[in-house]
Amino acid sequence: LRKEGIVSGYSDDRFKPGEQVTRAEAVAMLVRAYRPSGSQSAAFSDVPGRHWAHGAIAAAAGNGWVSGYPGGKFLPDRPVSRAEMAAMLRAAAGLPVVQAAQPPFTDVEPGHWSASSLTALKRAGWITGFPGDTFYPQRSASRAEFAALLHRTLDS
């Protein structure tokens, strides 16, 4: 992913795989990987035009890959949750959502907003979860987890 210019490190040239990935960083990787077409504009009150990821966030939101929070906010510096990671990667990869009678993991409620994305990713073989058939959807995703799942979606 680094060779393709999708993933970059910090100024000290380290990737820091165990660090949390922010919503802005995740969206920037998505946009570099999937290169959405057309110019998009999405207005989030906390992502001004001078924000380093403004263009990527606008493109991803305009293509329906991500959405914001109540009050017109995107929260770009907030760590992306594992559920958000799954939903945005499923959307960017163009994988249809899957409605299932059973939840995809034991720690995901059937009506959870990300259940259909998680089910689609699990059925595609892109995610497996943790022992006990758990996913920890509210846990923050690491840079390594995001990059690994992004790589799987691109290789399919």
N, C-alpha and C. Protein backbone atom coordinates (compact mmCIF):
# COMPACT_ATOMS: atom_id res chain seq x y z
N LEU A 1 0.82 -1.21 0.00
CA LEU A 1 0.00 0.00 0.00
C LEU A 1 0.86 1.26 0.00
N ARG A 2 2.03 1.16 0.60
CA ARG A 2 2.91 2.33 0.60
C ARG A 2 3.42 2.62 -0.81
N LYS A 3 3.80 1.57 -1.53
CA LYS A 3 4.32 1.76 -2.89
C LYS A 3 3.30 2.43 -3.80
N GLU A 4 2.02 2.13 -3.57
CA GLU A 4 0.95 2.71 -4.38
C GLU A 4 0.57 4.11 -3.93
N GLY A 5 1.19 4.59 -2.85
CA GLY A 5 0.88 5.92 -2.34
C GLY A 5 -0.42 5.99 -1.56
N ILE A 6 -0.92 4.84 -1.14
CA ILE A 6 -2.19 4.80 -0.40
C ILE A 6 -1.96 5.05 1.08
N VAL A 7 -0.91 4.47 1.62
CA VAL A 7 -0.59 4.58 3.04
C VAL A 7 0.73 5.32 3.18
N SER A 8 0.77 6.23 4.10
CA SER A 8 2.02 6.93 4.38
C SER A 8 2.27 6.93 5.88
N GLY A 9 3.50 7.19 6.23
CA GLY A 9 3.86 7.22 7.63
C GLY A 9 3.86 8.64 8.17
N TYR A 10 4.46 8.77 9.32
CA TYR A 10 4.57 10.07 9.96
C TYR A 10 5.85 10.76 9.50
N SER A 11 6.09 11.95 9.99
CA SER A 11 7.26 12.71 9.55
C SER A 11 8.57 12.01 9.88
N ASP A 12 8.56 11.11 10.87
CA ASP A 12 9.78 10.36 11.20
C ASP A 12 9.89 9.08 10.37
N ASP A 13 9.06 8.96 9.33
CA ASP A 13 9.07 7.83 8.38
C ASP A 13 8.68 6.50 9.03
N ARG A 14 7.92 6.57 10.12
CA ARG A 14 7.42 5.36 10.77
C ARG A 14 5.92 5.26 10.52
N PHE A 15 5.42 4.03 10.40
CA PHE A 15 4.00 3.81 10.15
C PHE A 15 3.19 3.80 11.44
N LYS A 16 3.76 3.36 12.52
CA LYS A 16 3.10 3.26 13.83
C LYS A 16 1.83 2.41 13.73
N PRO A 17 2.00 1.12 13.43
CA PRO A 17 0.84 0.25 13.20
C PRO A 17 -0.09 0.09 14.40
N GLY A 18 0.42 0.22 15.60
CA GLY A 18 -0.43 0.05 16.78
C GLY A 18 -1.21 1.28 17.17
N GLU A 19 -0.94 2.41 16.53
CA GLU A 19 -1.66 3.65 16.84
C GLU A 19 -3.08 3.60 16.28
N GLN A 20 -3.97 4.34 16.93
CA GLN A 20 -5.34 4.45 16.42
C GLN A 20 -5.33 5.25 15.12
N VAL A 21 -6.21 4.88 14.21
CA VAL A 21 -6.35 5.63 12.96
C VAL A 21 -7.54 6.58 13.13
N THR A 22 -7.36 7.82 12.75
CA THR A 22 -8.46 8.79 12.89
C THR A 22 -9.41 8.66 11.70
N ARG A 23 -10.57 9.25 11.85
CA ARG A 23 -11.54 9.23 10.75
C ARG A 23 -10.98 9.94 9.52
N ALA A 24 -10.25 11.02 9.72
CA ALA A 24 -9.65 11.73 8.57
C ALA A 24 -8.59 10.88 7.90
N GLU A 25 -7.73 10.23 8.68
CA GLU A 25 -6.68 9.38 8.11
C GLU A 25 -7.29 8.22 7.34
N ALA A 26 -8.33 7.60 7.92
CA ALA A 26 -8.98 6.47 7.27
C ALA A 26 -9.58 6.88 5.93
N VAL A 27 -10.27 8.01 5.92
CA VAL A 27 -10.90 8.49 4.69
C VAL A 27 -9.84 8.85 3.65
N ALA A 28 -8.74 9.44 4.08
CA ALA A 28 -7.67 9.78 3.13
C ALA A 28 -7.13 8.52 2.46
N MET A 29 -6.94 7.44 3.22
CA MET A 29 -6.47 6.18 2.64
C MET A 29 -7.50 5.62 1.66
N LEU A 30 -8.78 5.68 2.05
CA LEU A 30 -9.85 5.18 1.18
C LEU A 30 -9.85 5.91 -0.17
N VAL A 31 -9.77 7.21 -0.11
CA VAL A 31 -9.83 8.01 -1.34
C VAL A 31 -8.60 7.77 -2.21
N ARG A 32 -7.43 7.64 -1.60
CA ARG A 32 -6.23 7.34 -2.39
C ARG A 32 -6.32 5.95 -3.01
N ALA A 33 -6.97 5.02 -2.32
CA ALA A 33 -7.08 3.65 -2.82
C ALA A 33 -8.14 3.52 -3.91
N TYR A 34 -9.31 4.10 -3.68
CA TYR A 34 -10.45 3.89 -4.58
C TYR A 34 -10.69 5.02 -5.57
N ARG A 35 -10.03 6.14 -5.43
CA ARG A 35 -10.09 7.26 -6.36
C ARG A 35 -11.52 7.53 -6.86
N PRO A 36 -12.36 8.10 -6.02
CA PRO A 36 -13.74 8.37 -6.44
C PRO A 36 -13.79 9.34 -7.61
N SER A 37 -14.80 9.16 -8.42
CA SER A 37 -14.94 10.03 -9.60
C SER A 37 -15.76 11.25 -9.27
N GLY A 38 -15.55 12.29 -10.05
CA GLY A 38 -16.34 13.51 -9.90
C GLY A 38 -15.88 14.36 -8.73
N SER A 39 -16.22 15.61 -8.80
CA SER A 39 -15.90 16.50 -7.69
C SER A 39 -17.09 16.50 -6.75
N GLN A 40 -16.81 16.35 -5.51
CA GLN A 40 -17.86 16.27 -4.51
C GLN A 40 -17.67 17.39 -3.50
N SER A 41 -18.74 17.76 -2.88
CA SER A 41 -18.63 18.71 -1.78
C SER A 41 -19.56 18.26 -0.67
N ALA A 42 -19.02 18.21 0.50
CA ALA A 42 -19.80 17.87 1.67
C ALA A 42 -19.43 18.89 2.74
N ALA A 43 -20.42 19.48 3.34
CA ALA A 43 -20.16 20.52 4.33
C ALA A 43 -20.28 19.96 5.73
N PHE A 44 -19.17 19.90 6.41
CA PHE A 44 -19.15 19.54 7.82
C PHE A 44 -18.57 20.74 8.56
N SER A 45 -19.25 21.15 9.60
CA SER A 45 -18.83 22.37 10.30
C SER A 45 -17.45 22.26 10.93
N ASP A 46 -16.97 21.05 11.18
CA ASP A 46 -15.66 20.88 11.80
C ASP A 46 -14.57 20.48 10.80
N VAL A 47 -14.86 20.58 9.49
CA VAL A 47 -13.86 20.30 8.45
C VAL A 47 -13.82 21.50 7.51
N PRO A 48 -13.10 22.53 7.91
CA PRO A 48 -13.01 23.72 7.04
C PRO A 48 -12.21 23.42 5.78
N GLY A 49 -12.33 24.26 4.81
CA GLY A 49 -11.64 24.08 3.54
C GLY A 49 -10.13 23.97 3.67
N ARG A 50 -9.57 24.50 4.73
CA ARG A 50 -8.12 24.44 4.92
C ARG A 50 -7.67 23.16 5.63
N HIS A 51 -8.61 22.32 6.09
CA HIS A 51 -8.25 21.07 6.76
C HIS A 51 -7.51 20.17 5.78
N TRP A 52 -6.46 19.53 6.23
CA TRP A 52 -5.62 18.72 5.33
C TRP A 52 -6.41 17.63 4.61
N ALA A 53 -7.49 17.11 5.21
CA ALA A 53 -8.25 16.02 4.59
C ALA A 53 -9.60 16.48 4.04
N HIS A 54 -9.81 17.79 3.91
CA HIS A 54 -11.10 18.31 3.46
C HIS A 54 -11.53 17.68 2.13
N GLY A 55 -10.66 17.66 1.15
CA GLY A 55 -11.01 17.12 -0.16
C GLY A 55 -11.37 15.65 -0.11
N ALA A 56 -10.61 14.88 0.65
CA ALA A 56 -10.88 13.44 0.77
C ALA A 56 -12.20 13.20 1.49
N ILE A 57 -12.44 13.95 2.56
CA ILE A 57 -13.69 13.78 3.32
C ILE A 57 -14.88 14.16 2.45
N ALA A 58 -14.77 15.25 1.71
CA ALA A 58 -15.86 15.66 0.81
C ALA A 58 -16.12 14.61 -0.25
N ALA A 59 -15.06 14.06 -0.83
CA ALA A 59 -15.22 13.04 -1.88
C ALA A 59 -15.85 11.77 -1.32
N ALA A 60 -15.38 11.32 -0.16
CA ALA A 60 -15.91 10.10 0.44
C ALA A 60 -17.37 10.28 0.85
N ALA A 61 -17.69 11.41 1.44
CA ALA A 61 -19.08 11.67 1.84
C ALA A 61 -19.97 11.81 0.61
N GLY A 62 -19.48 12.49 -0.40
CA GLY A 62 -20.25 12.67 -1.62
C GLY A 62 -20.54 11.39 -2.36
N ASN A 63 -19.67 10.40 -2.19
CA ASN A 63 -19.87 9.09 -2.81
C ASN A 63 -20.61 8.11 -1.90
N GLY A 64 -21.02 8.57 -0.71
CA GLY A 64 -21.77 7.72 0.20
C GLY A 64 -20.93 6.72 0.98
N TRP A 65 -19.63 6.93 1.03
CA TRP A 65 -18.76 6.00 1.75
C TRP A 65 -18.74 6.27 3.24
N VAL A 66 -18.95 7.53 3.62
CA VAL A 66 -18.94 7.92 5.03
C VAL A 66 -20.06 8.91 5.27
N SER A 67 -20.40 9.05 6.53
CA SER A 67 -21.38 10.07 6.90
C SER A 67 -20.89 10.74 8.18
N GLY A 68 -21.56 11.80 8.52
CA GLY A 68 -21.16 12.56 9.69
C GLY A 68 -21.99 12.21 10.90
N TYR A 69 -21.90 13.09 11.86
CA TYR A 69 -22.61 12.94 13.13
C TYR A 69 -23.65 14.05 13.24
N PRO A 70 -24.54 13.95 14.21
CA PRO A 70 -25.54 15.00 14.39
C PRO A 70 -24.88 16.37 14.54
N GLY A 71 -25.58 17.36 14.08
CA GLY A 71 -25.07 18.72 14.16
C GLY A 71 -24.14 19.09 13.03
N GLY A 72 -24.11 18.26 11.97
CA GLY A 72 -23.28 18.58 10.82
C GLY A 72 -21.79 18.42 11.04
N LYS A 73 -21.42 17.55 11.97
CA LYS A 73 -20.00 17.34 12.27
C LYS A 73 -19.50 16.02 11.68
N PHE A 74 -18.20 16.00 11.36
CA PHE A 74 -17.56 14.77 10.88
C PHE A 74 -16.65 14.16 11.94
N LEU A 75 -16.13 14.97 12.84
CA LEU A 75 -15.19 14.54 13.88
C LEU A 75 -13.96 13.89 13.25
N PRO A 76 -13.21 14.64 12.45
CA PRO A 76 -12.08 14.08 11.70
C PRO A 76 -10.95 13.55 12.56
N ASP A 77 -10.77 14.10 13.76
CA ASP A 77 -9.67 13.67 14.61
C ASP A 77 -10.06 12.57 15.59
N ARG A 78 -11.29 12.15 15.54
CA ARG A 78 -11.76 11.07 16.40
C ARG A 78 -11.26 9.74 15.85
N PRO A 79 -10.82 8.83 16.73
CA PRO A 79 -10.42 7.51 16.24
C PRO A 79 -11.61 6.82 15.57
N VAL A 80 -11.35 6.16 14.46
CA VAL A 80 -12.41 5.45 13.76
C VAL A 80 -12.68 4.14 14.51
N SER A 81 -13.94 3.82 14.72
CA SER A 81 -14.26 2.56 15.39
C SER A 81 -14.15 1.41 14.38
N ARG A 82 -14.06 0.20 14.90
CA ARG A 82 -13.98 -0.96 14.01
C ARG A 82 -15.27 -1.09 13.19
N ALA A 83 -16.42 -0.71 13.77
CA ALA A 83 -17.68 -0.74 13.02
C ALA A 83 -17.65 0.28 11.89
N GLU A 84 -17.16 1.50 12.18
CA GLU A 84 -17.06 2.52 11.13
C GLU A 84 -16.09 2.08 10.04
N MET A 85 -14.98 1.49 10.45
CA MET A 85 -13.99 0.99 9.49
C MET A 85 -14.65 0.00 8.53
N ALA A 86 -15.40 -0.93 9.08
CA ALA A 86 -16.06 -1.95 8.25
C ALA A 86 -17.06 -1.32 7.30
N ALA A 87 -17.86 -0.40 7.80
CA ALA A 87 -18.90 0.22 6.97
C ALA A 87 -18.29 1.04 5.83
N MET A 88 -17.26 1.83 6.13
CA MET A 88 -16.69 2.67 5.07
C MET A 88 -15.94 1.84 4.04
N LEU A 89 -15.26 0.79 4.46
CA LEU A 89 -14.54 -0.06 3.51
C LEU A 89 -15.51 -0.86 2.64
N ARG A 90 -16.61 -1.33 3.24
CA ARG A 90 -17.62 -2.04 2.45
C ARG A 90 -18.20 -1.12 1.38
N ALA A 91 -18.51 0.10 1.78
CA ALA A 91 -19.11 1.06 0.84
C ALA A 91 -18.13 1.43 -0.27
N ALA A 92 -16.89 1.73 0.08
CA ALA A 92 -15.91 2.12 -0.93
C ALA A 92 -15.61 0.98 -1.90
N ALA A 93 -15.61 -0.24 -1.39
CA ALA A 93 -15.33 -1.41 -2.24
C ALA A 93 -16.52 -1.77 -3.12
N GLY A 94 -17.68 -1.18 -2.84
CA GLY A 94 -18.87 -1.46 -3.64
C GLY A 94 -19.52 -2.78 -3.31
N LEU A 95 -19.23 -3.33 -2.14
CA LEU A 95 -19.83 -4.59 -1.72
C LEU A 95 -21.24 -4.31 -1.21
N PRO A 96 -22.26 -4.97 -1.75
CA PRO A 96 -23.63 -4.70 -1.28
C PRO A 96 -23.81 -5.10 0.18
N VAL A 97 -24.67 -4.38 0.87
CA VAL A 97 -24.99 -4.75 2.25
C VAL A 97 -25.75 -6.06 2.24
N VAL A 98 -25.66 -6.79 3.34
CA VAL A 98 -26.33 -8.08 3.46
C VAL A 98 -27.18 -8.06 4.72
N GLN A 99 -28.48 -8.20 4.54
CA GLN A 99 -29.38 -8.31 5.68
C GLN A 99 -29.46 -9.78 6.07
N ALA A 100 -29.19 -10.07 7.32
CA ALA A 100 -29.21 -11.45 7.78
C ALA A 100 -30.06 -11.57 9.04
N ALA A 101 -30.67 -12.73 9.21
CA ALA A 101 -31.50 -12.96 10.39
C ALA A 101 -30.64 -13.03 11.65
N GLN A 102 -29.43 -13.56 11.50
CA GLN A 102 -28.52 -13.70 12.63
C GLN A 102 -27.45 -12.61 12.57
N PRO A 103 -27.05 -12.07 13.72
CA PRO A 103 -25.98 -11.07 13.70
C PRO A 103 -24.67 -11.71 13.25
N PRO A 104 -23.78 -10.92 12.65
CA PRO A 104 -22.54 -11.48 12.12
C PRO A 104 -21.55 -11.92 13.19
N PHE A 105 -21.62 -11.33 14.37
CA PHE A 105 -20.73 -11.67 15.48
C PHE A 105 -21.54 -11.65 16.76
N THR A 106 -21.08 -12.36 17.79
CA THR A 106 -21.83 -12.46 19.03
C THR A 106 -21.93 -11.13 19.78
N ASP A 107 -21.02 -10.20 19.53
CA ASP A 107 -21.07 -8.91 20.22
C ASP A 107 -21.67 -7.79 19.36
N VAL A 108 -22.35 -8.16 18.29
CA VAL A 108 -23.04 -7.20 17.43
C VAL A 108 -24.53 -7.51 17.48
N GLU A 109 -25.30 -6.56 17.96
CA GLU A 109 -26.75 -6.74 18.04
C GLU A 109 -27.33 -6.81 16.63
N PRO A 110 -28.41 -7.59 16.43
CA PRO A 110 -29.01 -7.71 15.10
C PRO A 110 -29.38 -6.37 14.47
N GLY A 111 -29.81 -5.41 15.26
CA GLY A 111 -30.22 -4.12 14.72
C GLY A 111 -29.12 -3.07 14.71
N HIS A 112 -27.90 -3.46 15.06
CA HIS A 112 -26.80 -2.48 15.09
C HIS A 112 -26.62 -1.88 13.70
N TRP A 113 -26.34 -0.60 13.63
CA TRP A 113 -26.25 0.10 12.35
C TRP A 113 -25.21 -0.50 11.41
N SER A 114 -24.20 -1.17 11.93
CA SER A 114 -23.15 -1.73 11.06
C SER A 114 -23.33 -3.22 10.77
N ALA A 115 -24.38 -3.84 11.31
CA ALA A 115 -24.54 -5.30 11.17
C ALA A 115 -24.57 -5.76 9.72
N SER A 116 -25.25 -5.03 8.85
CA SER A 116 -25.33 -5.46 7.45
C SER A 116 -23.98 -5.33 6.74
N SER A 117 -23.20 -4.31 7.07
CA SER A 117 -21.86 -4.18 6.50
C SER A 117 -20.94 -5.28 7.02
N LEU A 118 -21.02 -5.54 8.32
CA LEU A 118 -20.19 -6.59 8.91
C LEU A 118 -20.54 -7.96 8.33
N THR A 119 -21.82 -8.21 8.13
CA THR A 119 -22.25 -9.48 7.53
C THR A 119 -21.70 -9.61 6.11
N ALA A 120 -21.77 -8.53 5.34
CA ALA A 120 -21.26 -8.57 3.96
C ALA A 120 -19.76 -8.84 3.94
N LEU A 121 -19.01 -8.16 4.80
CA LEU A 121 -17.56 -8.36 4.85
C LEU A 121 -17.19 -9.76 5.32
N LYS A 122 -17.95 -10.27 6.28
CA LYS A 122 -17.68 -11.62 6.79
C LYS A 122 -17.96 -12.66 5.71
N ARG A 123 -19.07 -12.51 5.02
CA ARG A 123 -19.41 -13.47 3.96
C ARG A 123 -18.42 -13.41 2.80
N ALA A 124 -17.85 -12.24 2.55
CA ALA A 124 -16.85 -12.09 1.49
C ALA A 124 -15.50 -12.65 1.92
N GLY A 125 -15.37 -12.99 3.20
CA GLY A 125 -14.11 -13.53 3.71
C GLY A 125 -13.08 -12.46 4.03
N TRP A 126 -13.50 -11.21 4.12
CA TRP A 126 -12.57 -10.11 4.38
C TRP A 126 -12.33 -9.90 5.86
N ILE A 127 -13.27 -10.32 6.72
CA ILE A 127 -13.08 -10.21 8.17
C ILE A 127 -13.46 -11.53 8.81
N THR A 128 -12.81 -11.83 9.92
CA THR A 128 -13.12 -13.05 10.67
C THR A 128 -13.41 -12.75 12.13
N GLY A 129 -12.95 -11.65 12.65
CA GLY A 129 -13.18 -11.32 14.04
C GLY A 129 -12.16 -11.93 14.97
N PHE A 130 -12.56 -12.03 16.22
CA PHE A 130 -11.70 -12.52 17.29
C PHE A 130 -12.24 -13.84 17.83
N PRO A 131 -11.49 -14.51 18.71
CA PRO A 131 -12.00 -15.74 19.33
C PRO A 131 -13.36 -15.50 19.98
N GLY A 132 -14.19 -16.51 19.96
CA GLY A 132 -15.54 -16.38 20.50
C GLY A 132 -16.48 -15.72 19.52
N ASP A 133 -16.07 -15.62 18.27
CA ASP A 133 -16.87 -15.01 17.21
C ASP A 133 -17.29 -13.58 17.58
N THR A 134 -16.31 -12.81 18.09
CA THR A 134 -16.54 -11.43 18.46
C THR A 134 -15.83 -10.50 17.48
N PHE A 135 -16.26 -9.24 17.45
CA PHE A 135 -15.66 -8.26 16.55
C PHE A 135 -15.20 -7.00 17.27
N TYR A 136 -15.75 -6.71 18.43
CA TYR A 136 -15.45 -5.49 19.18
C TYR A 136 -15.72 -4.26 18.30
N PRO A 137 -16.96 -4.07 17.89
CA PRO A 137 -17.29 -3.00 16.95
C PRO A 137 -17.02 -1.58 17.47
N GLN A 138 -17.09 -1.38 18.77
CA GLN A 138 -16.90 -0.03 19.32
C GLN A 138 -15.43 0.29 19.60
N ARG A 139 -14.57 -0.72 19.55
CA ARG A 139 -13.14 -0.51 19.79
C ARG A 139 -12.55 0.32 18.65
N SER A 140 -11.60 1.16 18.99
CA SER A 140 -10.91 1.95 17.95
C SER A 140 -10.07 1.04 17.08
N ALA A 141 -10.07 1.29 15.80
CA ALA A 141 -9.26 0.51 14.86
C ALA A 141 -7.83 1.04 14.87
N SER A 142 -6.89 0.13 14.77
CA SER A 142 -5.49 0.55 14.66
C SER A 142 -5.15 0.83 13.20
N ARG A 143 -4.04 1.50 13.01
CA ARG A 143 -3.58 1.76 11.65
C ARG A 143 -3.31 0.45 10.92
N ALA A 144 -2.77 -0.53 11.63
CA ALA A 144 -2.50 -1.84 11.03
C ALA A 144 -3.78 -2.54 10.63
N GLU A 145 -4.80 -2.52 11.50
CA GLU A 145 -6.07 -3.16 11.18
C GLU A 145 -6.71 -2.53 9.95
N PHE A 146 -6.70 -1.20 9.90
CA PHE A 146 -7.31 -0.52 8.76
C PHE A 146 -6.57 -0.85 7.47
N ALA A 147 -5.25 -0.78 7.52
CA ALA A 147 -4.44 -1.06 6.33
C ALA A 147 -4.63 -2.51 5.87
N ALA A 148 -4.71 -3.44 6.81
CA ALA A 148 -4.88 -4.85 6.45
C ALA A 148 -6.23 -5.08 5.78
N LEU A 149 -7.29 -4.51 6.33
CA LEU A 149 -8.61 -4.69 5.73
C LEU A 149 -8.69 -3.96 4.38
N LEU A 150 -8.10 -2.80 4.29
CA LEU A 150 -8.07 -2.09 3.01
C LEU A 150 -7.35 -2.94 1.96
N HIS A 151 -6.24 -3.54 2.33
CA HIS A 151 -5.48 -4.39 1.41
C HIS A 151 -6.34 -5.57 0.94
N ARG A 152 -7.10 -6.18 1.87
CA ARG A 152 -7.97 -7.31 1.50
C ARG A 152 -9.04 -6.87 0.51
N THR A 153 -9.62 -5.70 0.73
CA THR A 153 -10.67 -5.25 -0.19
C THR A 153 -10.10 -4.96 -1.57
N LEU A 154 -8.89 -4.44 -1.63
CA LEU A 154 -8.27 -4.13 -2.92
C LEU A 154 -7.82 -5.38 -3.66
N ASP A 155 -7.49 -6.43 -2.92
CA ASP A 155 -7.02 -7.68 -3.54
C ASP A 155 -8.16 -8.55 -4.06
N SER A 156 -9.38 -8.17 -3.78
CA SER A 156 -10.52 -9.01 -4.17
C SER A 156 -11.03 -8.67 -5.55
